[in-house]
Amino acid sequence: MAIGLYFGLRGRFGVETLSWMCILGAAPCAALGFIRYHGMTAEQLLWAYLKSEFFMPKRLVFHATNMYYEALNMQRREQGE
């Protein structure tokens, strides 16, 4: 990230300004080393996201169930026996 900023902006800014831009541009990448989500590092989180969304997508189908109706039927079956 910082290398791209340096080579892309070196003709437009001075050395001091460009060095601060490189530091600020690399800061988000450095901050990823301190992020933990559900016990996973940022790299593990990114890999888990890519696997779940792109490599192993699942089609989830919703089937509605009426638990009250099932409980009544179960109760009627028990009483009928």
PDB file of N, CA and C in Angstrom:
ATOM      1  N   MET A   1       0.826  -1.176   0.000  1.00  0.00           N
ATOM      2  CA  MET A   1       0.000   0.000   0.000  1.00  0.00           C
ATOM      3  C   MET A   1       0.882   1.255   0.000  1.00  0.00           C
ATOM      4  N   ALA A   2       1.813   1.311   0.912  1.00  0.00           N
ATOM      5  CA  ALA A   2       2.668   2.498   1.014  1.00  0.00           C
ATOM      6  C   ALA A   2       3.572   2.637  -0.213  1.00  0.00           C
ATOM      7  N   ILE A   3       3.984   1.516  -0.771  1.00  0.00           N
ATOM      8  CA  ILE A   3       4.846   1.564  -1.957  1.00  0.00           C
ATOM      9  C   ILE A   3       4.077   2.160  -3.134  1.00  0.00           C
ATOM     10  N   GLY A   4       2.831   1.748  -3.287  1.00  0.00           N
ATOM     11  CA  GLY A   4       2.003   2.299  -4.353  1.00  0.00           C
ATOM     12  C   GLY A   4       1.773   3.791  -4.192  1.00  0.00           C
ATOM     13  N   LEU A   5       1.535   4.213  -2.953  1.00  0.00           N
ATOM     14  CA  LEU A   5       1.376   5.647  -2.694  1.00  0.00           C
ATOM     15  C   LEU A   5       2.656   6.413  -3.011  1.00  0.00           C
ATOM     16  N   TYR A   6       3.782   5.842  -2.624  1.00  0.00           N
ATOM     17  CA  TYR A   6       5.051   6.526  -2.856  1.00  0.00           C
ATOM     18  C   TYR A   6       5.303   6.725  -4.346  1.00  0.00           C
ATOM     19  N   PHE A   7       5.209   5.636  -5.101  1.00  0.00           N
ATOM     20  CA  PHE A   7       5.515   5.752  -6.526  1.00  0.00           C
ATOM     21  C   PHE A   7       4.440   6.514  -7.293  1.00  0.00           C
ATOM     22  N   GLY A   8       3.210   6.474  -6.806  1.00  0.00           N
ATOM     23  CA  GLY A   8       2.151   7.190  -7.490  1.00  0.00           C
ATOM     24  C   GLY A   8       2.134   8.680  -7.234  1.00  0.00           C
ATOM     25  N   LEU A   9       2.625   9.098  -6.069  1.00  0.00           N
ATOM     26  CA  LEU A   9       2.537  10.507  -5.689  1.00  0.00           C
ATOM     27  C   LEU A   9       3.883  11.215  -5.557  1.00  0.00           C
ATOM     28  N   ARG A  10       4.986  10.556  -5.863  1.00  0.00           N
ATOM     29  CA  ARG A  10       6.290  11.174  -5.598  1.00  0.00           C
ATOM     30  C   ARG A  10       6.573  12.391  -6.461  1.00  0.00           C
ATOM     31  N   GLY A  11       5.947  12.523  -7.603  1.00  0.00           N
ATOM     32  CA  GLY A  11       6.181  13.693  -8.441  1.00  0.00           C
ATOM     33  C   GLY A  11       5.297  14.877  -8.059  1.00  0.00           C
ATOM     34  N   ARG A  12       4.299  14.662  -7.226  1.00  0.00           N
ATOM     35  CA  ARG A  12       3.338  15.719  -6.898  1.00  0.00           C
ATOM     36  C   ARG A  12       3.569  16.359  -5.535  1.00  0.00           C
ATOM     37  N   PHE A  13       4.227  15.658  -4.618  1.00  0.00           N
ATOM     38  CA  PHE A  13       4.401  16.167  -3.257  1.00  0.00           C
ATOM     39  C   PHE A  13       5.868  16.127  -2.863  1.00  0.00           C
ATOM     40  N   GLY A  14       6.174  16.852  -1.807  1.00  0.00           N
ATOM     41  CA  GLY A  14       7.527  16.833  -1.267  1.00  0.00           C
ATOM     42  C   GLY A  14       7.775  15.570  -0.465  1.00  0.00           C
ATOM     43  N   VAL A  15       9.036  15.382  -0.050  1.00  0.00           N
ATOM     44  CA  VAL A  15       9.431  14.164   0.646  1.00  0.00           C
ATOM     45  C   VAL A  15       8.715  14.037   1.994  1.00  0.00           C
ATOM     46  N   GLU A  16       8.633  15.117   2.748  1.00  0.00           N
ATOM     47  CA  GLU A  16       8.024  15.037   4.076  1.00  0.00           C
ATOM     48  C   GLU A  16       6.526  14.757   3.977  1.00  0.00           C
ATOM     49  N   THR A  17       5.840  15.456   3.098  1.00  0.00           N
ATOM     50  CA  THR A  17       4.404  15.229   2.921  1.00  0.00           C
ATOM     51  C   THR A  17       4.145  13.817   2.412  1.00  0.00           C
ATOM     52  N   LEU A  18       4.958  13.382   1.497  1.00  0.00           N
ATOM     53  CA  LEU A  18       4.801  12.051   0.926  1.00  0.00           C
ATOM     54  C   LEU A  18       5.060  10.967   1.973  1.00  0.00           C
ATOM     55  N   SER A  19       6.016  11.189   2.855  1.00  0.00           N
ATOM     56  CA  SER A  19       6.282  10.193   3.894  1.00  0.00           C
ATOM     57  C   SER A  19       5.094  10.065   4.849  1.00  0.00           C
ATOM     58  N   TRP A  20       4.453  11.184   5.189  1.00  0.00           N
ATOM     59  CA  TRP A  20       3.262  11.119   6.050  1.00  0.00           C
ATOM     60  C   TRP A  20       2.099  10.448   5.332  1.00  0.00           C
ATOM     61  N   MET A  21       1.973  10.683   4.043  1.00  0.00           N
ATOM     62  CA  MET A  21       0.912  10.008   3.278  1.00  0.00           C
ATOM     63  C   MET A  21       1.142   8.501   3.249  1.00  0.00           C
ATOM     64  N   CYS A  22       2.396   8.093   3.139  1.00  0.00           N
ATOM     65  CA  CYS A  22       2.705   6.660   3.159  1.00  0.00           C
ATOM     66  C   CYS A  22       2.389   6.052   4.518  1.00  0.00           C
ATOM     67  N   ILE A  23       2.710   6.754   5.590  1.00  0.00           N
ATOM     68  CA  ILE A  23       2.407   6.258   6.937  1.00  0.00           C
ATOM     69  C   ILE A  23       0.909   6.132   7.130  1.00  0.00           C
ATOM     70  N   LEU A  24       0.164   7.156   6.744  1.00  0.00           N
ATOM     71  CA  LEU A  24      -1.292   7.109   6.899  1.00  0.00           C
ATOM     72  C   LEU A  24      -1.930   6.071   5.979  1.00  0.00           C
ATOM     73  N   GLY A  25      -1.356   5.860   4.813  1.00  0.00           N
ATOM     74  CA  GLY A  25      -1.877   4.853   3.903  1.00  0.00           C
ATOM     75  C   GLY A  25      -1.633   3.435   4.384  1.00  0.00           C
ATOM     76  N   ALA A  26      -0.527   3.219   5.100  1.00  0.00           N
ATOM     77  CA  ALA A  26      -0.207   1.883   5.612  1.00  0.00           C
ATOM     78  C   ALA A  26      -0.851   1.604   6.962  1.00  0.00           C
ATOM     79  N   ALA A  27      -1.351   2.621   7.638  1.00  0.00           N
ATOM     80  CA  ALA A  27      -1.925   2.445   8.982  1.00  0.00           C
ATOM     81  C   ALA A  27      -3.104   1.464   9.014  1.00  0.00           C
ATOM     82  N   PRO A  28      -4.041   1.508   8.073  1.00  0.00           N
ATOM     83  CA  PRO A  28      -5.130   0.520   8.142  1.00  0.00           C
ATOM     84  C   PRO A  28      -4.647  -0.917   8.005  1.00  0.00           C
ATOM     85  N   CYS A  29      -3.652  -1.144   7.172  1.00  0.00           N
ATOM     86  CA  CYS A  29      -3.114  -2.499   7.039  1.00  0.00           C
ATOM     87  C   CYS A  29      -2.416  -2.938   8.320  1.00  0.00           C
ATOM     88  N   ALA A  30      -1.726  -2.031   8.974  1.00  0.00           N
ATOM     89  CA  ALA A  30      -1.067  -2.358  10.238  1.00  0.00           C
ATOM     90  C   ALA A  30      -2.094  -2.578  11.344  1.00  0.00           C
ATOM     91  N   ALA A  31      -3.190  -1.835  11.314  1.00  0.00           N
ATOM     92  CA  ALA A  31      -4.222  -1.982  12.343  1.00  0.00           C
ATOM     93  C   ALA A  31      -4.915  -3.336  12.256  1.00  0.00           C
ATOM     94  N   LEU A  32      -4.920  -3.951  11.092  1.00  0.00           N
ATOM     95  CA  LEU A  32      -5.551  -5.270  10.954  1.00  0.00           C
ATOM     96  C   LEU A  32      -4.870  -6.325  11.815  1.00  0.00           C
ATOM     97  N   GLY A  33      -3.626  -6.106  12.165  1.00  0.00           N
ATOM     98  CA  GLY A  33      -2.919  -7.051  13.033  1.00  0.00           C
ATOM     99  C   GLY A  33      -3.448  -7.066  14.457  1.00  0.00           C
ATOM    100  N   PHE A  34      -4.189  -6.046  14.852  1.00  0.00           N
ATOM    101  CA  PHE A  34      -4.697  -5.967  16.216  1.00  0.00           C
ATOM    102  C   PHE A  34      -6.174  -6.312  16.317  1.00  0.00           C
ATOM    103  N   ILE A  35      -6.821  -6.582  15.200  1.00  0.00           N
ATOM    104  CA  ILE A  35      -8.254  -6.864  15.209  1.00  0.00           C
ATOM    105  C   ILE A  35      -8.486  -8.343  15.466  1.00  0.00           C
ATOM    106  N   ARG A  36      -9.365  -8.637  16.417  1.00  0.00           N
ATOM    107  CA  ARG A  36      -9.784 -10.012  16.684  1.00  0.00           C
ATOM    108  C   ARG A  36     -11.301 -10.023  16.758  1.00  0.00           C
ATOM    109  N   TYR A  37     -11.925 -10.947  16.035  1.00  0.00           N
ATOM    110  CA  TYR A  37     -13.376 -11.060  16.006  1.00  0.00           C
ATOM    111  C   TYR A  37     -13.720 -12.526  16.223  1.00  0.00           C
ATOM    112  N   HIS A  38     -14.419 -12.821  17.291  1.00  0.00           N
ATOM    113  CA  HIS A  38     -14.779 -14.191  17.672  1.00  0.00           C
ATOM    114  C   HIS A  38     -13.533 -15.066  17.768  1.00  0.00           C
ATOM    115  N   GLY A  39     -12.446 -14.499  18.249  1.00  0.00           N
ATOM    116  CA  GLY A  39     -11.214 -15.255  18.431  1.00  0.00           C
ATOM    117  C   GLY A  39     -10.402 -15.460  17.170  1.00  0.00           C
ATOM    118  N   MET A  40     -10.818 -14.877  16.057  1.00  0.00           N
ATOM    119  CA  MET A  40     -10.088 -15.029  14.796  1.00  0.00           C
ATOM    120  C   MET A  40      -9.331 -13.748  14.484  1.00  0.00           C
ATOM    121  N   THR A  41      -8.160 -13.904  13.885  1.00  0.00           N
ATOM    122  CA  THR A  41      -7.427 -12.737  13.418  1.00  0.00           C
ATOM    123  C   THR A  41      -8.101 -12.229  12.144  1.00  0.00           C
ATOM    124  N   ALA A  42      -7.664 -11.086  11.660  1.00  0.00           N
ATOM    125  CA  ALA A  42      -8.268 -10.499  10.463  1.00  0.00           C
ATOM    126  C   ALA A  42      -8.083 -11.409   9.248  1.00  0.00           C
ATOM    127  N   GLU A  43      -6.947 -12.075   9.142  1.00  0.00           N
ATOM    128  CA  GLU A  43      -6.715 -12.975   8.019  1.00  0.00           C
ATOM    129  C   GLU A  43      -7.651 -14.171   8.072  1.00  0.00           C
ATOM    130  N   GLN A  44      -7.830 -14.741   9.283  1.00  0.00           N
ATOM    131  CA  GLN A  44      -8.743 -15.868   9.427  1.00  0.00           C
ATOM    132  C   GLN A  44     -10.184 -15.444   9.153  1.00  0.00           C
ATOM    133  N   LEU A  45     -10.552 -14.242   9.590  1.00  0.00           N
ATOM    134  CA  LEU A  45     -11.892 -13.734   9.348  1.00  0.00           C
ATOM    135  C   LEU A  45     -12.128 -13.541   7.853  1.00  0.00           C
ATOM    136  N   LEU A  46     -11.161 -12.976   7.155  1.00  0.00           N
ATOM    137  CA  LEU A  46     -11.283 -12.784   5.716  1.00  0.00           C
ATOM    138  C   LEU A  46     -11.399 -14.122   4.997  1.00  0.00           C
ATOM    139  N   TRP A  47     -10.608 -15.100   5.393  1.00  0.00           N
ATOM    140  CA  TRP A  47     -10.662 -16.416   4.765  1.00  0.00           C
ATOM    141  C   TRP A  47     -12.008 -17.098   5.043  1.00  0.00           C
ATOM    142  N   ALA A  48     -12.516 -16.987   6.265  1.00  0.00           N
ATOM    143  CA  ALA A  48     -13.820 -17.570   6.595  1.00  0.00           C
ATOM    144  C   ALA A  48     -14.930 -16.907   5.789  1.00  0.00           C
ATOM    145  N   TYR A  49     -14.862 -15.600   5.613  1.00  0.00           N
ATOM    146  CA  TYR A  49     -15.867 -14.890   4.818  1.00  0.00           C
ATOM    147  C   TYR A  49     -15.820 -15.334   3.364  1.00  0.00           C
ATOM    148  N   LEU A  50     -14.622 -15.413   2.795  1.00  0.00           N
ATOM    149  CA  LEU A  50     -14.491 -15.835   1.395  1.00  0.00           C
ATOM    150  C   LEU A  50     -14.989 -17.257   1.201  1.00  0.00           C
ATOM    151  N   LYS A  51     -14.675 -18.150   2.138  1.00  0.00           N
ATOM    152  CA  LYS A  51     -15.153 -19.524   2.018  1.00  0.00           C
ATOM    153  C   LYS A  51     -16.666 -19.600   2.098  1.00  0.00           C
ATOM    154  N   SER A  52     -17.258 -18.849   3.030  1.00  0.00           N
ATOM    155  CA  SER A  52     -18.705 -18.960   3.216  1.00  0.00           C
ATOM    156  C   SER A  52     -19.492 -18.289   2.104  1.00  0.00           C
ATOM    157  N   GLU A  53     -18.970 -17.237   1.514  1.00  0.00           N
ATOM    158  CA  GLU A  53     -19.715 -16.504   0.501  1.00  0.00           C
ATOM    159  C   GLU A  53     -19.426 -16.944  -0.929  1.00  0.00           C
ATOM    160  N   PHE A  54     -18.217 -17.366  -1.213  1.00  0.00           N
ATOM    161  CA  PHE A  54     -17.843 -17.629  -2.597  1.00  0.00           C
ATOM    162  C   PHE A  54     -17.442 -19.073  -2.879  1.00  0.00           C
ATOM    163  N   PHE A  55     -16.683 -19.700  -1.988  1.00  0.00           N
ATOM    164  CA  PHE A  55     -16.164 -21.031  -2.281  1.00  0.00           C
ATOM    165  C   PHE A  55     -17.153 -22.141  -1.952  1.00  0.00           C
ATOM    166  N   MET A  56     -17.911 -21.986  -0.871  1.00  0.00           N
ATOM    167  CA  MET A  56     -18.869 -23.013  -0.472  1.00  0.00           C
ATOM    168  C   MET A  56     -20.240 -22.400  -0.188  1.00  0.00           C
ATOM    169  N   PRO A  57     -20.844 -21.749  -1.165  1.00  0.00           N
ATOM    170  CA  PRO A  57     -22.150 -21.139  -0.887  1.00  0.00           C
ATOM    171  C   PRO A  57     -23.222 -22.218  -0.736  1.00  0.00           C
ATOM    172  N   LYS A  58     -24.154 -21.964   0.145  1.00  0.00           N
ATOM    173  CA  LYS A  58     -25.258 -22.878   0.380  1.00  0.00           C
ATOM    174  C   LYS A  58     -26.551 -22.160   0.042  1.00  0.00           C
ATOM    175  N   ARG A  59     -27.483 -22.903  -0.463  1.00  0.00           N
ATOM    176  CA  ARG A  59     -28.798 -22.340  -0.697  1.00  0.00           C
ATOM    177  C   ARG A  59     -29.666 -22.716   0.493  1.00  0.00           C
ATOM    178  N   LEU A  60     -30.018 -21.728   1.268  1.00  0.00           N
ATOM    179  CA  LEU A  60     -30.835 -21.966   2.450  1.00  0.00           C
ATOM    180  C   LEU A  60     -32.295 -21.772   2.082  1.00  0.00           C
ATOM    181  N   VAL A  61     -33.085 -22.798   2.354  1.00  0.00           N
ATOM    182  CA  VAL A  61     -34.500 -22.757   2.025  1.00  0.00           C
ATOM    183  C   VAL A  61     -35.277 -22.706   3.328  1.00  0.00           C
ATOM    184  N   PHE A  62     -36.213 -21.790   3.398  1.00  0.00           N
ATOM    185  CA  PHE A  62     -37.017 -21.633   4.600  1.00  0.00           C
ATOM    186  C   PHE A  62     -38.266 -22.483   4.480  1.00  0.00           C
ATOM    187  N   HIS A  63     -38.497 -23.331   5.471  1.00  0.00           N
ATOM    188  CA  HIS A  63     -39.713 -24.128   5.551  1.00  0.00           C
ATOM    189  C   HIS A  63     -40.443 -23.704   6.812  1.00  0.00           C
ATOM    190  N   ALA A  64     -41.609 -23.144   6.634  1.00  0.00           N
ATOM    191  CA  ALA A  64     -42.383 -22.676   7.780  1.00  0.00           C
ATOM    192  C   ALA A  64     -42.974 -23.872   8.524  1.00  0.00           C
ATOM    193  N   THR A  65     -42.908 -23.813   9.823  1.00  0.00           N
ATOM    194  CA  THR A  65     -43.522 -24.847  10.649  1.00  0.00           C
ATOM    195  C   THR A  65     -44.413 -24.170  11.672  1.00  0.00           C
ATOM    196  N   ASN A  66     -45.569 -24.738  11.867  1.00  0.00           N
ATOM    197  CA  ASN A  66     -46.488 -24.226  12.860  1.00  0.00           C
ATOM    198  C   ASN A  66     -46.358 -25.108  14.091  1.00  0.00           C
ATOM    199  N   MET A  67     -45.606 -24.643  15.048  1.00  0.00           N
ATOM    200  CA  MET A  67     -45.337 -25.451  16.231  1.00  0.00           C
ATOM    201  C   MET A  67     -46.597 -25.666  17.059  1.00  0.00           C
ATOM    202  N   TYR A  68     -47.485 -24.706  17.065  1.00  0.00           N
ATOM    203  CA  TYR A  68     -48.735 -24.853  17.806  1.00  0.00           C
ATOM    204  C   TYR A  68     -49.571 -25.982  17.203  1.00  0.00           C
ATOM    205  N   TYR A  69     -49.666 -26.035  15.885  1.00  0.00           N
ATOM    206  CA  TYR A  69     -50.416 -27.078  15.198  1.00  0.00           C
ATOM    207  C   TYR A  69     -49.795 -28.446  15.471  1.00  0.00           C
ATOM    208  N   GLU A  70     -48.484 -28.529  15.405  1.00  0.00           N
ATOM    209  CA  GLU A  70     -47.803 -29.803  15.673  1.00  0.00           C
ATOM    210  C   GLU A  70     -48.004 -30.249  17.111  1.00  0.00           C
ATOM    211  N   ALA A  71     -47.976 -29.310  18.061  1.00  0.00           N
ATOM    212  CA  ALA A  71     -48.200 -29.665  19.471  1.00  0.00           C
ATOM    213  C   ALA A  71     -49.621 -30.169  19.675  1.00  0.00           C
ATOM    214  N   LEU A  72     -50.605 -29.534  19.031  1.00  0.00           N
ATOM    215  CA  LEU A  72     -51.988 -30.001  19.147  1.00  0.00           C
ATOM    216  C   LEU A  72     -52.157 -31.391  18.558  1.00  0.00           C
ATOM    217  N   ASN A  73     -51.552 -31.637  17.400  1.00  0.00           N
ATOM    218  CA  ASN A  73     -51.634 -32.963  16.795  1.00  0.00           C
ATOM    219  C   ASN A  73     -50.979 -34.009  17.670  1.00  0.00           C
ATOM    220  N   MET A  74     -49.843 -33.675  18.277  1.00  0.00           N
ATOM    221  CA  MET A  74     -49.169 -34.610  19.164  1.00  0.00           C
ATOM    222  C   MET A  74     -50.038 -34.906  20.381  1.00  0.00           C
ATOM    223  N   GLN A  75     -50.667 -33.879  20.894  1.00  0.00           N
ATOM    224  CA  GLN A  75     -51.532 -34.048  22.060  1.00  0.00           C
ATOM    225  C   GLN A  75     -52.738 -34.910  21.686  1.00  0.00           C
ATOM    226  N   ARG A  76     -53.324 -34.706  20.528  1.00  0.00           N
ATOM    227  CA  ARG A  76     -54.477 -35.500  20.084  1.00  0.00           C
ATOM    228  C   ARG A  76     -54.083 -36.950  19.871  1.00  0.00           C
ATOM    229  N   ARG A  77     -52.870 -37.186  19.310  1.00  0.00           N
ATOM    230  CA  ARG A  77     -52.417 -38.552  19.114  1.00  0.00           C
ATOM    231  C   ARG A  77     -52.218 -39.255  20.437  1.00  0.00           C
ATOM    232  N   GLU A  78     -51.692 -38.544  21.423  1.00  0.00           N
ATOM    233  CA  GLU A  78     -51.482 -39.135  22.741  1.00  0.00           C
ATOM    234  C   GLU A  78     -52.807 -39.464  23.421  1.00  0.00           C
ATOM    235  N   GLN A  79     -53.788 -38.602  23.247  1.00  0.00           N
ATOM    236  CA  GLN A  79     -55.100 -38.840  23.863  1.00  0.00           C
ATOM    237  C   GLN A  79     -55.840 -39.952  23.131  1.00  0.00           C
ATOM    238  N   GLY A  80     -55.614 -40.096  21.857  1.00  0.00           N
ATOM    239  CA  GLY A  80     -56.304 -41.122  21.086  1.00  0.00           C
ATOM    240  C   GLY A  80     -55.761 -42.508  21.333  1.00  0.00           C
ATOM    241  N   GLU A  81     -54.577 -42.623  21.843  1.00  0.00           N
ATOM    242  CA  GLU A  81     -53.977 -43.943  22.067  1.00  0.00           C
ATOM    243  C   GLU A  81     -54.454 -44.612  23.292  1.00  0.00           C
TER     244      GLU A  81
END
